[in-house]
N, C-alpha and C. Protein backbone atom coordinates (compact mmCIF):
# COMPACT_ATOMS: atom_id res chain seq x y z
N SER A 1 83.91 55.29 81.11
CA SER A 1 83.42 53.76 81.10
C SER A 1 84.69 53.36 80.81
N SER A 2 85.00 52.03 81.17
CA SER A 2 85.60 51.14 80.99
C SER A 2 86.00 50.48 79.91
N TYR A 3 86.70 50.12 79.27
CA TYR A 3 86.97 49.84 78.23
C TYR A 3 87.88 48.54 78.07
N GLU A 4 86.90 46.86 77.85
CA GLU A 4 88.48 46.11 77.61
C GLU A 4 88.49 45.40 76.17
N ARG A 5 89.97 46.31 75.99
CA ARG A 5 90.28 45.42 74.27
C ARG A 5 90.15 44.30 73.93
N ALA A 6 89.77 44.09 72.69
CA ALA A 6 90.34 42.78 71.75
C ALA A 6 91.27 42.33 71.82
N ASN A 7 91.75 41.06 71.93
CA ASN A 7 92.86 39.98 72.07
C ASN A 7 92.88 40.60 70.59
N THR A 8 94.59 40.98 70.54
CA THR A 8 94.92 41.69 69.42
C THR A 8 96.20 40.04 69.01
N ASP A 9 96.37 39.08 69.93
CA ASP A 9 97.28 37.56 69.49
C ASP A 9 97.17 37.15 68.25
N TRP A 10 96.34 37.35 67.57
CA TRP A 10 96.40 36.84 66.13
C TRP A 10 96.59 37.79 64.87
N LEU A 11 96.85 38.98 64.99
CA LEU A 11 96.97 40.11 64.44
C LEU A 11 98.87 39.59 64.84
N ALA A 12 99.40 40.18 65.78
CA ALA A 12 100.54 40.05 66.03
C ALA A 12 101.41 39.25 65.70
N LYS A 13 100.56 37.73 65.38
CA LYS A 13 101.54 36.47 65.07
C LYS A 13 101.33 36.80 63.53
N CYS A 14 100.90 37.88 62.59
CA CYS A 14 101.23 37.88 61.17
C CYS A 14 101.87 38.06 61.30
N ARG A 15 102.59 37.73 59.65
CA ARG A 15 104.10 38.27 59.66
C ARG A 15 104.00 40.42 58.54
N PHE A 16 102.95 39.63 57.83
CA PHE A 16 102.68 41.54 56.87
C PHE A 16 101.33 40.84 56.90
N GLY A 17 100.64 42.17 56.45
CA GLY A 17 99.58 41.89 55.05
C GLY A 17 99.91 43.23 54.01
N ILE A 18 98.54 42.94 53.49
CA ILE A 18 98.73 43.78 52.00
C ILE A 18 97.47 44.84 52.13
N GLY A 19 98.18 46.02 51.79
CA GLY A 19 96.74 47.32 52.17
C GLY A 19 96.77 47.61 50.90
N ILE A 20 95.06 47.59 50.09
CA ILE A 20 94.80 47.58 49.39
C ILE A 20 93.90 48.83 48.68
N HIS A 21 94.35 50.23 47.99
CA HIS A 21 93.29 51.17 47.95
C HIS A 21 92.07 50.51 46.84
N TRP A 22 91.27 50.28 46.66
CA TRP A 22 90.60 49.18 45.39
C TRP A 22 89.28 50.69 45.53
N THR A 23 88.73 51.10 45.00
CA THR A 23 88.22 51.74 45.02
C THR A 23 86.54 52.28 43.68
N ALA A 24 85.54 53.50 43.88
CA ALA A 24 85.43 53.99 42.19
C ALA A 24 85.86 54.56 42.25
N GLN A 25 86.89 54.88 42.78
CA GLN A 25 87.98 56.13 42.07
C GLN A 25 88.93 55.12 41.01
N THR A 26 89.57 53.74 41.48
CA THR A 26 90.12 53.05 40.99
C THR A 26 89.95 52.58 39.41
N VAL A 27 91.55 53.39 38.41
CA VAL A 27 90.72 52.68 37.39
C VAL A 27 91.82 52.15 36.53
N PRO A 28 91.81 51.64 35.34
CA PRO A 28 92.81 50.08 35.00
C PRO A 28 94.06 50.90 34.35
N ARG A 29 95.11 50.43 33.70
CA ARG A 29 96.29 50.57 33.47
C ARG A 29 95.86 51.02 32.19
N ASN A 30 95.58 50.00 31.56
CA ASN A 30 94.64 50.58 30.12
C ASN A 30 93.66 50.62 29.93
N GLY A 31 93.13 51.36 28.71
CA GLY A 31 91.52 51.71 28.73
C GLY A 31 90.94 52.26 29.52
N PRO A 32 89.96 51.86 28.56
CA PRO A 32 88.62 53.29 29.90
C PRO A 32 88.03 52.37 31.00
N PRO A 33 87.56 53.47 32.07
CA PRO A 33 87.07 53.29 33.32
C PRO A 33 86.14 52.36 33.15
N LYS A 34 85.36 51.55 33.72
CA LYS A 34 84.19 50.96 33.91
C LYS A 34 83.27 51.86 34.81
N PRO A 35 81.97 51.82 35.00
CA PRO A 35 81.24 51.93 36.02
C PRO A 35 81.53 50.99 37.11
N PHE A 36 81.49 51.85 38.27
CA PHE A 36 81.54 50.91 39.79
C PHE A 36 80.96 49.87 39.78
N GLN A 37 79.66 49.69 39.64
CA GLN A 37 79.00 48.39 39.41
C GLN A 37 79.77 47.07 39.06
N LYS A 38 80.36 47.58 37.74
CA LYS A 38 80.52 46.65 36.34
C LYS A 38 81.84 46.32 37.24
N ALA A 39 82.50 47.10 37.08
CA ALA A 39 84.15 46.59 37.67
C ALA A 39 84.40 46.18 39.11
N VAL A 40 82.98 46.07 39.89
CA VAL A 40 82.93 45.26 41.61
C VAL A 40 82.57 43.94 40.30
N ALA A 41 81.36 43.81 39.57
CA ALA A 41 81.23 42.33 39.14
C ALA A 41 82.23 41.92 38.09
N ASP A 42 83.47 42.44 37.73
CA ASP A 42 84.27 41.79 36.94
C ASP A 42 85.42 41.60 37.87
N PHE A 43 85.42 41.96 39.02
CA PHE A 43 86.75 41.88 40.05
C PHE A 43 87.46 40.24 39.73
N ASP A 44 88.66 40.36 39.68
CA ASP A 44 89.60 39.17 39.52
C ASP A 44 89.75 38.31 40.38
N LEU A 45 88.30 37.94 41.38
CA LEU A 45 89.40 37.36 42.80
C LEU A 45 90.08 36.37 43.61
N LYS A 46 89.78 35.57 41.81
CA LYS A 46 90.78 34.38 42.21
C LYS A 46 92.13 34.85 42.18
N GLY A 47 92.04 35.99 41.32
CA GLY A 47 94.13 36.23 40.82
C GLY A 47 94.21 37.06 41.81
N PHE A 48 93.32 37.77 42.57
CA PHE A 48 93.81 38.37 43.25
C PHE A 48 94.33 38.04 44.68
N VAL A 49 93.24 36.94 44.97
CA VAL A 49 93.83 36.22 45.97
C VAL A 49 95.28 35.60 46.02
N ALA A 50 95.65 34.21 44.66
CA ALA A 50 96.66 34.07 44.28
C ALA A 50 98.08 35.40 44.30
N ALA A 51 97.48 36.72 43.39
CA ALA A 51 98.64 37.27 44.37
C ALA A 51 98.93 37.70 45.36
N VAL A 52 97.80 37.70 46.49
CA VAL A 52 98.25 37.53 47.89
C VAL A 52 99.09 36.50 48.35
N GLU A 53 98.56 35.06 48.02
CA GLU A 53 99.15 34.36 48.14
C GLU A 53 100.55 34.06 47.73
N HIS A 54 100.99 34.63 46.37
CA HIS A 54 102.65 33.95 46.30
C HIS A 54 103.42 35.46 47.10
N ALA A 55 102.42 36.84 47.05
CA ALA A 55 103.12 37.26 48.17
C ALA A 55 103.56 36.77 49.68
N GLY A 56 102.82 35.83 49.86
CA GLY A 56 102.83 35.71 51.26
C GLY A 56 102.39 35.82 52.65
N ALA A 57 101.37 37.08 52.17
CA ALA A 57 101.22 38.07 53.36
C ALA A 57 100.12 37.23 54.30
N ASP A 58 99.94 37.61 55.60
CA ASP A 58 98.98 36.60 56.23
C ASP A 58 97.63 37.47 56.09
N TYR A 59 97.32 39.35 55.98
CA TYR A 59 96.33 39.13 55.73
C TYR A 59 95.80 40.10 54.65
N VAL A 60 95.23 41.05 54.44
CA VAL A 60 94.76 41.81 53.53
C VAL A 60 93.55 43.21 53.82
N LEU A 61 94.46 44.54 54.02
CA LEU A 61 93.10 45.43 54.31
C LEU A 61 93.16 45.67 53.35
N PHE A 62 91.21 45.52 53.52
CA PHE A 62 90.69 46.48 51.36
C PHE A 62 89.49 47.33 51.78
N THR A 63 89.94 47.88 50.54
CA THR A 63 88.98 49.43 51.02
C THR A 63 87.12 49.03 50.81
N ALA A 64 86.64 49.63 51.81
CA ALA A 64 85.46 49.71 51.08
C ALA A 64 84.80 50.15 50.90
N ALA A 65 85.55 51.61 51.67
CA ALA A 65 85.38 53.22 50.55
C ALA A 65 85.87 53.94 50.94
N HIS A 66 85.94 54.91 50.61
CA HIS A 66 87.47 56.08 50.66
C HIS A 66 86.25 57.02 50.48
N ALA A 67 87.15 57.63 49.14
CA ALA A 67 86.67 59.05 48.87
C ALA A 67 85.42 59.37 48.73
N LEU A 68 84.56 58.68 47.64
CA LEU A 68 83.10 58.46 47.47
C LEU A 68 82.56 57.32 48.07
N GLN A 69 81.33 57.86 48.56
CA GLN A 69 80.90 56.82 49.33
C GLN A 69 79.69 55.65 48.61
N MET A 70 81.30 54.60 48.11
CA MET A 70 80.34 53.71 47.34
C MET A 70 80.97 51.99 47.34
N LEU A 71 80.13 51.68 47.71
CA LEU A 71 80.28 49.58 48.89
C LEU A 71 80.63 48.91 47.40
N PRO A 72 81.48 47.92 47.75
CA PRO A 72 81.79 46.97 46.97
C PRO A 72 80.55 45.91 47.27
N ALA A 73 79.17 45.71 48.12
CA ALA A 73 79.20 45.15 48.19
C ALA A 73 77.03 45.22 48.39
N PRO A 74 76.82 44.57 48.69
CA PRO A 74 75.42 45.33 48.98
C PRO A 74 74.72 46.09 50.30
N ASN A 75 73.97 46.73 50.70
CA ASN A 75 73.86 47.55 51.83
C ASN A 75 73.04 48.58 52.00
N PRO A 76 71.54 47.74 52.37
CA PRO A 76 70.07 48.29 52.07
C PRO A 76 70.35 49.92 52.87
N VAL A 77 71.35 50.19 54.08
CA VAL A 77 71.27 50.88 54.51
C VAL A 77 71.73 51.94 53.35
N LEU A 78 72.74 52.28 53.33
CA LEU A 78 73.01 53.41 52.14
C LEU A 78 72.26 53.61 51.29
N ASP A 79 71.78 52.75 50.45
CA ASP A 79 70.67 52.13 49.57
C ASP A 79 69.16 53.91 49.77
N LYS A 80 68.97 53.63 51.44
CA LYS A 80 68.21 54.47 51.86
C LYS A 80 68.74 55.48 51.53
N LEU A 81 70.29 55.91 52.31
CA LEU A 81 70.29 57.26 52.31
C LEU A 81 70.92 58.06 50.45
N LEU A 82 70.79 57.23 50.31
CA LEU A 82 70.87 57.14 48.78
C LEU A 82 71.94 56.43 48.05
N PRO A 83 70.31 55.61 47.14
CA PRO A 83 70.08 54.97 46.38
C PRO A 83 71.55 55.10 44.86
N GLY A 84 72.03 53.64 44.48
CA GLY A 84 72.94 53.81 43.44
C GLY A 84 73.89 53.91 43.72
N ARG A 85 74.81 53.81 45.13
CA ARG A 85 76.08 53.80 45.74
C ARG A 85 76.68 51.77 45.74
N THR A 86 75.80 51.21 45.86
CA THR A 86 75.90 50.25 46.65
C THR A 86 75.29 48.78 45.60
N CYS A 87 76.11 48.00 45.41
CA CYS A 87 76.06 46.88 44.55
C CYS A 87 75.74 45.43 44.82
N LYS A 88 75.54 44.89 43.05
CA LYS A 88 74.64 43.76 43.32
C LYS A 88 75.56 42.51 44.15
N ARG A 89 76.71 42.56 43.56
CA ARG A 89 77.97 41.65 44.59
C ARG A 89 77.81 41.65 45.04
N ASP A 90 78.36 40.81 46.12
CA ASP A 90 79.07 41.11 47.81
C ASP A 90 80.81 41.15 47.32
N LEU A 91 81.33 41.52 46.92
CA LEU A 91 82.81 41.97 46.81
C LEU A 91 83.89 41.27 48.08
N ILE A 92 83.35 42.08 49.06
CA ILE A 92 83.23 41.92 51.13
C ILE A 92 83.56 40.36 51.06
N GLY A 93 82.33 40.11 51.00
CA GLY A 93 82.02 38.70 52.34
C GLY A 93 83.05 37.66 50.63
N GLU A 94 82.64 38.07 49.60
CA GLU A 94 84.11 36.03 48.93
C GLU A 94 84.97 36.71 48.92
N LEU A 95 85.41 38.09 49.72
CA LEU A 95 87.53 38.12 49.45
C LEU A 95 87.46 37.96 51.12
N ALA A 96 86.21 37.76 51.56
CA ALA A 96 86.60 37.29 53.03
C ALA A 96 86.65 35.73 53.15
N ASP A 97 85.75 35.05 52.39
CA ASP A 97 85.03 33.70 52.00
C ASP A 97 86.53 33.43 51.58
N ALA A 98 87.39 33.61 50.39
CA ALA A 98 88.31 33.16 49.54
C ALA A 98 89.75 33.37 50.61
N LEU A 99 90.18 34.87 51.43
CA LEU A 99 90.81 34.23 51.86
C LEU A 99 90.62 33.06 53.34
N ALA A 100 90.19 33.35 53.96
CA ALA A 100 89.75 32.34 55.32
C ALA A 100 90.39 31.18 54.66
N ALA A 101 89.24 30.76 53.35
CA ALA A 101 89.88 29.11 52.63
C ALA A 101 91.63 29.16 52.68
N ASN A 102 92.03 30.08 52.43
CA ASN A 102 93.62 30.26 52.19
C ASN A 102 93.95 30.90 53.43
N GLY A 103 93.54 30.75 54.68
CA GLY A 103 93.98 30.86 55.91
C GLY A 103 94.60 32.52 56.02
N LYS A 104 94.05 32.91 55.82
CA LYS A 104 94.41 34.72 55.99
C LYS A 104 92.93 35.29 56.37
N HIS A 105 93.73 36.69 57.08
CA HIS A 105 92.60 37.84 57.64
C HIS A 105 92.07 38.57 56.55
N LEU A 106 90.76 39.28 56.94
CA LEU A 106 90.42 40.44 56.51
C LEU A 106 90.17 41.09 57.18
N LEU A 107 90.89 42.31 56.85
CA LEU A 107 90.38 43.69 57.64
C LEU A 107 89.86 44.73 56.52
N VAL A 108 89.31 45.68 56.90
CA VAL A 108 88.38 46.15 56.09
C VAL A 108 88.51 47.68 56.36
N TYR A 109 89.41 48.58 55.58
CA TYR A 109 89.03 49.64 55.53
C TYR A 109 87.45 50.52 55.19
N TYR A 110 87.52 51.73 56.07
CA TYR A 110 85.97 52.10 56.05
C TYR A 110 86.61 53.90 55.99
N ASN A 111 86.33 54.97 55.54
CA ASN A 111 86.67 56.32 55.47
C ASN A 111 84.67 56.59 55.27
N HIS A 112 84.03 57.70 55.95
CA HIS A 112 82.54 57.91 55.60
C HIS A 112 82.55 59.01 54.18
N SER A 113 83.40 59.05 54.19
CA SER A 113 83.57 59.86 52.76
C SER A 113 82.99 61.23 53.02
N CYS A 114 82.76 62.10 53.68
CA CYS A 114 83.07 63.15 54.23
C CYS A 114 83.78 63.92 54.70
N ASN A 115 85.18 64.19 53.40
CA ASN A 115 86.27 64.85 53.20
C ASN A 115 86.04 65.95 52.40
N ARG A 116 85.96 67.36 52.62
CA ARG A 116 86.70 68.30 51.83
C ARG A 116 85.45 68.37 51.10
N GLN A 117 84.37 68.05 50.97
CA GLN A 117 83.71 67.92 49.21
C GLN A 117 84.18 66.97 48.65
N GLN A 118 84.68 66.34 48.89
CA GLN A 118 85.19 65.19 47.33
C GLN A 118 83.86 63.95 46.88
N ASP A 119 82.88 64.42 47.67
CA ASP A 119 81.56 64.26 47.96
C ASP A 119 80.20 64.78 48.42
N SER A 120 80.74 65.66 47.42
CA SER A 120 79.03 67.02 48.35
C SER A 120 77.95 66.00 48.20
N THR A 121 77.38 65.32 47.22
CA THR A 121 76.19 64.82 47.07
C THR A 121 75.72 63.87 48.87
N TRP A 122 76.90 62.75 48.89
CA TRP A 122 77.09 62.19 50.12
C TRP A 122 77.02 62.89 50.80
N GLU A 123 77.91 64.55 50.65
CA GLU A 123 77.74 65.13 52.59
C GLU A 123 76.51 65.24 52.99
N LYS A 124 75.59 65.94 51.85
CA LYS A 124 74.22 66.29 52.21
C LYS A 124 73.62 65.20 52.71
N ALA A 125 73.63 64.57 51.68
CA ALA A 125 72.32 62.90 52.03
C ALA A 125 72.13 62.34 53.57
N VAL A 126 73.45 62.42 53.71
CA VAL A 126 74.41 61.25 55.32
C VAL A 126 73.97 62.35 56.43
N GLY A 127 73.57 63.75 56.21
CA GLY A 127 73.32 64.94 56.90
C GLY A 127 74.37 65.29 57.87
N TYR A 128 75.43 65.50 57.14
CA TYR A 128 77.17 66.22 57.13
C TYR A 128 76.57 67.27 57.46
N HIS A 129 76.04 68.02 56.89
CA HIS A 129 76.18 69.07 56.93
C HIS A 129 74.87 70.64 58.13
N ALA A 130 73.87 68.81 58.42
CA ALA A 130 72.87 69.54 59.18
C ALA A 130 72.63 70.34 60.63
N PRO A 131 72.13 70.72 60.47
CA PRO A 131 72.37 71.67 62.28
C PRO A 131 72.22 71.06 63.26
N ASN A 132 71.23 69.66 63.06
CA ASN A 132 71.63 68.23 64.33
C ASN A 132 72.94 67.00 63.70
N LYS A 133 73.39 66.83 64.72
CA LYS A 133 74.30 66.30 63.85
C LYS A 133 74.18 64.34 64.60
N GLU A 134 73.02 64.96 65.54
CA GLU A 134 73.00 63.03 66.07
C GLU A 134 72.61 62.30 65.07
N GLN A 135 71.58 62.78 63.88
CA GLN A 135 71.26 62.08 63.20
C GLN A 135 72.33 61.19 62.00
N PHE A 136 73.06 62.02 61.64
CA PHE A 136 74.71 62.19 60.95
C PHE A 136 75.40 60.97 61.64
N ALA A 137 75.77 61.17 62.69
CA ALA A 137 76.37 60.39 63.67
C ALA A 137 75.30 59.03 63.20
N ARG A 138 74.66 58.45 63.55
CA ARG A 138 73.24 57.91 63.43
C ARG A 138 73.70 57.15 61.85
N ASN A 139 73.84 57.33 61.11
CA ASN A 139 73.62 57.45 60.13
C ASN A 139 75.13 55.93 59.77
N ILE A 140 75.92 56.72 60.04
CA ILE A 140 77.69 56.12 60.05
C ILE A 140 77.67 54.99 60.98
N MET A 141 76.76 54.86 62.00
CA MET A 141 76.92 54.10 63.18
C MET A 141 76.24 52.55 62.42
N ASP A 142 75.33 53.09 61.60
CA ASP A 142 73.86 52.30 61.41
C ASP A 142 74.31 51.34 59.74
N ILE A 143 75.46 52.52 58.37
CA ILE A 143 76.11 51.91 58.01
C ILE A 143 77.02 50.21 58.19
N VAL A 144 77.85 50.96 59.58
CA VAL A 144 79.03 50.24 59.37
C VAL A 144 78.52 48.51 60.31
N GLY A 145 77.25 49.19 61.26
CA GLY A 145 77.11 48.23 61.96
C GLY A 145 75.94 47.05 61.38
N HIS A 146 75.57 47.34 59.94
CA HIS A 146 74.68 46.77 59.50
C HIS A 146 75.68 45.94 58.59
N MET A 147 76.82 46.22 58.20
CA MET A 147 78.42 45.34 57.46
C MET A 147 78.58 44.47 58.50
N GLY A 148 78.72 44.68 60.08
CA GLY A 148 79.15 44.20 61.11
C GLY A 148 78.39 43.15 61.24
N GLU A 149 77.02 42.83 60.96
CA GLU A 149 76.17 42.25 61.16
C GLU A 149 76.04 40.92 59.98
N GLN A 150 75.89 41.78 59.07
CA GLN A 150 76.40 40.98 58.20
C GLN A 150 77.13 40.44 57.40
N TYR A 151 78.24 40.44 58.23
CA TYR A 151 79.74 39.74 58.20
C TYR A 151 80.67 39.21 59.08
N GLY A 152 79.64 39.26 60.19
CA GLY A 152 80.12 38.57 61.05
C GLY A 152 81.83 38.04 61.17
N GLU A 153 82.07 37.18 61.66
CA GLU A 153 83.59 37.26 62.08
C GLU A 153 84.12 37.29 61.07
N LYS A 154 83.35 36.95 59.35
CA LYS A 154 84.28 37.49 58.73
C LYS A 154 85.01 38.80 58.57
N ILE A 155 85.06 39.88 59.09
CA ILE A 155 85.49 41.00 58.95
C ILE A 155 86.59 40.96 60.74
N LYS A 156 87.20 40.66 60.68
CA LYS A 156 88.11 40.37 61.80
C LYS A 156 88.11 41.50 62.36
N ALA A 157 88.93 42.70 61.50
CA ALA A 157 88.97 44.46 62.24
C ALA A 157 88.85 45.54 60.71
N TRP A 158 88.51 46.20 61.81
CA TRP A 158 88.35 47.42 61.19
C TRP A 158 89.34 48.87 61.02
N TRP A 159 89.81 49.19 59.92
CA TRP A 159 90.66 50.67 59.76
C TRP A 159 89.72 51.60 59.98
N PHE A 160 89.34 52.60 60.40
CA PHE A 160 88.41 54.08 60.56
C PHE A 160 89.55 55.17 59.69
N ASP A 161 89.47 55.34 59.22
CA ASP A 161 90.09 56.78 58.80
C ASP A 161 89.70 58.16 58.71
N SER A 162 89.99 59.03 58.26
CA SER A 162 89.17 60.59 58.52
C SER A 162 88.42 60.33 59.74
N PRO A 163 88.60 60.11 60.99
CA PRO A 163 88.39 61.46 62.30
C PRO A 163 88.33 62.41 62.17
N TYR A 164 89.61 62.83 61.56
CA TYR A 164 89.78 64.70 61.74
C TYR A 164 88.64 65.59 60.73
N SER A 165 87.66 64.40 59.88
CA SER A 165 86.50 65.88 59.78
C SER A 165 85.18 65.41 60.38
N LEU A 166 85.88 64.73 61.55
CA LEU A 166 84.32 64.53 62.39
C LEU A 166 84.86 65.23 63.56
N ASP A 167 86.26 65.69 63.57
CA ASP A 167 86.39 65.55 65.19
C ASP A 167 87.61 66.65 65.06
N PRO A 168 87.42 68.29 65.70
CA PRO A 168 88.83 69.25 65.54
C PRO A 168 89.63 68.63 66.14
N ARG A 169 89.84 67.77 67.08
CA ARG A 169 90.75 67.95 68.07
C ARG A 169 91.76 67.54 68.23
N GLY A 170 91.73 66.74 67.10
CA GLY A 170 93.52 66.04 66.63
C GLY A 170 94.56 66.77 66.23
N PRO A 171 95.58 66.05 65.51
CA PRO A 171 96.86 66.66 64.56
C PRO A 171 96.04 67.65 63.89
N HIS A 172 94.55 66.85 62.75
CA HIS A 172 94.67 67.77 61.80
C HIS A 172 93.60 67.79 61.97
N ASN A 173 92.65 69.05 61.32
CA ASN A 173 91.32 69.05 61.52
C ASN A 173 90.72 69.50 60.10
N SER A 174 89.89 68.74 59.59
CA SER A 174 89.80 69.26 58.12
C SER A 174 88.20 69.00 58.31
N VAL A 175 87.56 69.18 59.13
CA VAL A 175 86.08 69.59 59.67
C VAL A 175 85.66 71.03 58.60
N THR A 176 84.53 70.15 57.60
CA THR A 176 83.80 71.43 57.13
C THR A 176 82.63 71.43 56.89
N THR A 177 82.39 71.74 58.64
CA THR A 177 80.76 71.41 58.29
C THR A 177 80.55 72.50 60.29
N ASP A 178 80.10 73.17 60.87
CA ASP A 178 79.78 73.30 61.63
C ASP A 178 79.60 72.33 63.18
N MET A 179 80.70 71.53 63.17
CA MET A 179 80.63 71.34 65.09
C MET A 179 80.42 71.73 65.80
N THR A 180 80.11 72.85 66.27
CA THR A 180 79.97 73.17 67.56
C THR A 180 78.93 72.98 68.61
N SER A 181 78.93 72.62 69.39
CA SER A 181 78.60 71.94 70.83
C SER A 181 78.00 69.99 70.31
N PHE A 182 78.85 69.64 69.37
CA PHE A 182 78.84 68.43 69.21
C PHE A 182 79.79 68.03 69.23
N GLN A 183 80.11 66.54 69.67
CA GLN A 183 80.98 66.11 69.96
C GLN A 183 80.88 64.23 69.54
N PHE A 184 81.55 63.92 68.22
CA PHE A 184 81.05 62.93 67.69
C PHE A 184 81.50 61.84 68.63
N PRO A 185 80.13 60.98 69.11
CA PRO A 185 80.46 60.06 69.71
C PRO A 185 81.09 58.40 69.55
N TRP A 186 82.67 58.21 69.64
CA TRP A 186 83.53 57.73 69.30
C TRP A 186 83.20 56.10 69.91
N GLU A 187 82.80 56.66 71.19
CA GLU A 187 82.36 54.96 72.16
C GLU A 187 81.61 54.56 71.17
N GLN A 188 80.26 54.94 71.15
CA GLN A 188 79.03 55.13 70.57
C GLN A 188 79.75 53.94 69.69
N PHE A 189 80.51 54.76 68.40
CA PHE A 189 80.50 53.67 66.68
C PHE A 189 81.29 52.86 67.36
N THR A 190 82.35 52.69 68.26
CA THR A 190 82.98 51.80 68.64
C THR A 190 81.83 50.52 69.27
N VAL A 191 81.17 50.81 69.88
CA VAL A 191 79.97 49.67 69.87
C VAL A 191 79.32 48.84 68.23
N ALA A 192 79.26 49.65 67.64
CA ALA A 192 78.32 50.17 66.41
C ALA A 192 79.30 48.73 65.06
N ALA A 193 80.79 48.84 65.36
CA ALA A 193 81.59 48.87 65.15
C ALA A 193 82.01 47.20 65.14
N LYS A 194 81.37 46.75 66.47
CA LYS A 194 81.68 45.11 66.80
C LYS A 194 80.88 44.59 66.67
N VAL A 195 79.44 45.24 66.14
CA VAL A 195 78.21 44.21 65.93
C VAL A 195 78.28 42.85 65.43
N GLY A 196 77.81 41.69 65.72
CA GLY A 196 78.17 40.51 64.61
C GLY A 196 79.64 40.15 65.16
N HIS A 197 80.41 40.64 65.98
CA HIS A 197 81.82 40.46 66.45
C HIS A 197 82.34 40.59 67.15
N PRO A 198 82.05 40.61 68.57
CA PRO A 198 82.93 41.50 69.56
C PRO A 198 84.00 41.90 69.52
N ALA A 199 84.77 40.57 69.43
CA ALA A 199 86.12 40.41 69.63
C ALA A 199 87.16 41.17 67.96
N ARG A 200 85.89 41.65 67.13
CA ARG A 200 86.54 42.41 66.03
C ARG A 200 86.99 43.81 66.50
N LEU A 201 88.41 43.66 66.30
CA LEU A 201 89.26 45.05 66.31
C LEU A 201 88.97 46.23 65.90
N VAL A 202 88.96 47.65 66.33
CA VAL A 202 88.69 48.82 65.80
C VAL A 202 89.72 49.52 66.72
N THR A 203 90.17 50.62 64.82
CA THR A 203 91.06 51.53 65.31
C THR A 203 90.82 52.81 64.48
N TYR A 204 91.46 54.09 64.51
CA TYR A 204 90.85 54.62 64.00
C TYR A 204 92.20 55.47 63.90
N ASN A 205 92.37 56.13 62.52
CA ASN A 205 93.82 56.69 62.07
C ASN A 205 93.58 58.26 62.36
N ALA A 206 94.31 58.64 63.11
CA ALA A 206 94.61 60.11 63.55
C ALA A 206 95.36 60.74 62.31
N GLY A 207 96.17 59.95 61.55
CA GLY A 207 97.33 60.59 60.55
C GLY A 207 98.59 59.81 60.37
N VAL A 208 99.53 60.36 59.36
CA VAL A 208 100.56 60.26 59.77
C VAL A 208 101.11 60.02 60.36
N ASN A 209 102.35 58.69 60.99
CA ASN A 209 103.33 59.18 62.15
C ASN A 209 102.62 59.38 63.10
N GLN A 210 100.68 59.73 63.74
CA GLN A 210 100.13 60.01 64.33
C GLN A 210 99.85 59.03 65.34
N THR A 211 100.11 59.58 66.79
CA THR A 211 98.92 58.15 67.55
C THR A 211 98.29 59.08 68.80
N PHE A 212 97.73 60.40 68.52
CA PHE A 212 96.43 61.17 68.64
C PHE A 212 95.74 59.94 69.14
N LEU A 213 94.90 60.30 70.46
CA LEU A 213 93.73 59.24 71.23
C LEU A 213 92.24 59.78 70.84
N TYR A 214 91.36 59.68 70.07
CA TYR A 214 89.89 60.17 69.31
C TYR A 214 89.15 59.70 70.85
N THR A 215 89.84 58.38 71.22
CA THR A 215 88.79 57.70 72.03
C THR A 215 90.02 56.73 72.06
N ALA A 216 89.99 56.10 73.98
CA ALA A 216 90.67 54.82 74.01
C ALA A 216 89.75 53.51 74.50
N HIS A 217 88.73 53.62 73.72
CA HIS A 217 87.56 52.45 73.08
C HIS A 217 88.11 52.12 71.28
N GLN A 218 89.14 51.41 71.61
CA GLN A 218 90.35 51.33 70.48
C GLN A 218 91.03 49.88 70.75
N ASP A 219 91.83 49.52 69.80
CA ASP A 219 92.65 48.12 69.94
C ASP A 219 93.65 47.97 69.69
N TYR A 220 94.20 48.91 68.49
CA TYR A 220 95.27 48.22 67.49
C TYR A 220 95.50 50.07 67.62
N TRP A 221 96.66 50.30 67.10
CA TRP A 221 97.27 51.59 66.73
C TRP A 221 97.24 51.26 64.32
N SER A 222 96.21 52.11 64.24
CA SER A 222 96.59 52.22 62.76
C SER A 222 97.93 52.25 61.86
N GLY A 223 99.10 52.98 62.56
CA GLY A 223 100.00 52.53 62.32
C GLY A 223 100.43 53.44 60.38
N GLU A 224 99.55 54.10 60.10
CA GLU A 224 100.04 55.19 58.87
C GLU A 224 101.25 55.64 58.87
N MET A 225 102.10 55.23 57.64
CA MET A 225 103.63 55.35 58.08
C MET A 225 103.67 56.37 56.73
N VAL A 226 105.19 57.26 56.18
CA VAL A 226 105.52 56.97 55.18
C VAL A 226 107.11 57.11 54.91
N ASN A 227 107.16 56.47 54.21
CA ASN A 227 109.29 56.55 54.24
C ASN A 227 109.44 56.97 53.39
């Protein structure tokens, strides 16, 4: 089916951005780590945005979830699937507003967290190992779709990681469930990812230095590089 790529001019005009991996596994330099909800509640947003401003970055790529499916924001879809994985504070929304007030963009990194049993409780809850994978795909799309609807234009772009744990066709294959006769619905996923803001950019990361396309229904290259 035909796909019209979203306009990437605003991103191309950016000089550079900063990617931050701040997750439920992030620990302080000193002292004991806080429970995730407390860490989110205590996150120094003012200091963070001041640092971004000082660096001169035009956008921030911020992690919604990585190895563990824990979001620094409310999300009723995730709550229903596995309670205790969300936060009262909406750090994503607050960050988007604070960046926008400074003329900067928010790009959101999201990982489905079904990677080699890093979050086995979640893999079971979301249906990654269920014989029928349709509901699993729907669950992931619903989480992302709800975020898109919730934030609208505040999320300017998605950066989706680990498609290689959902689809064995690419340069990496870290699928740890039976995907026989199931093709992950990337085109449908892109539709879900654009809910609330059709101009939102989408990319699927095929891995370091890789350009493999899981689908042409995306708007820019993920560009994961290692120097």
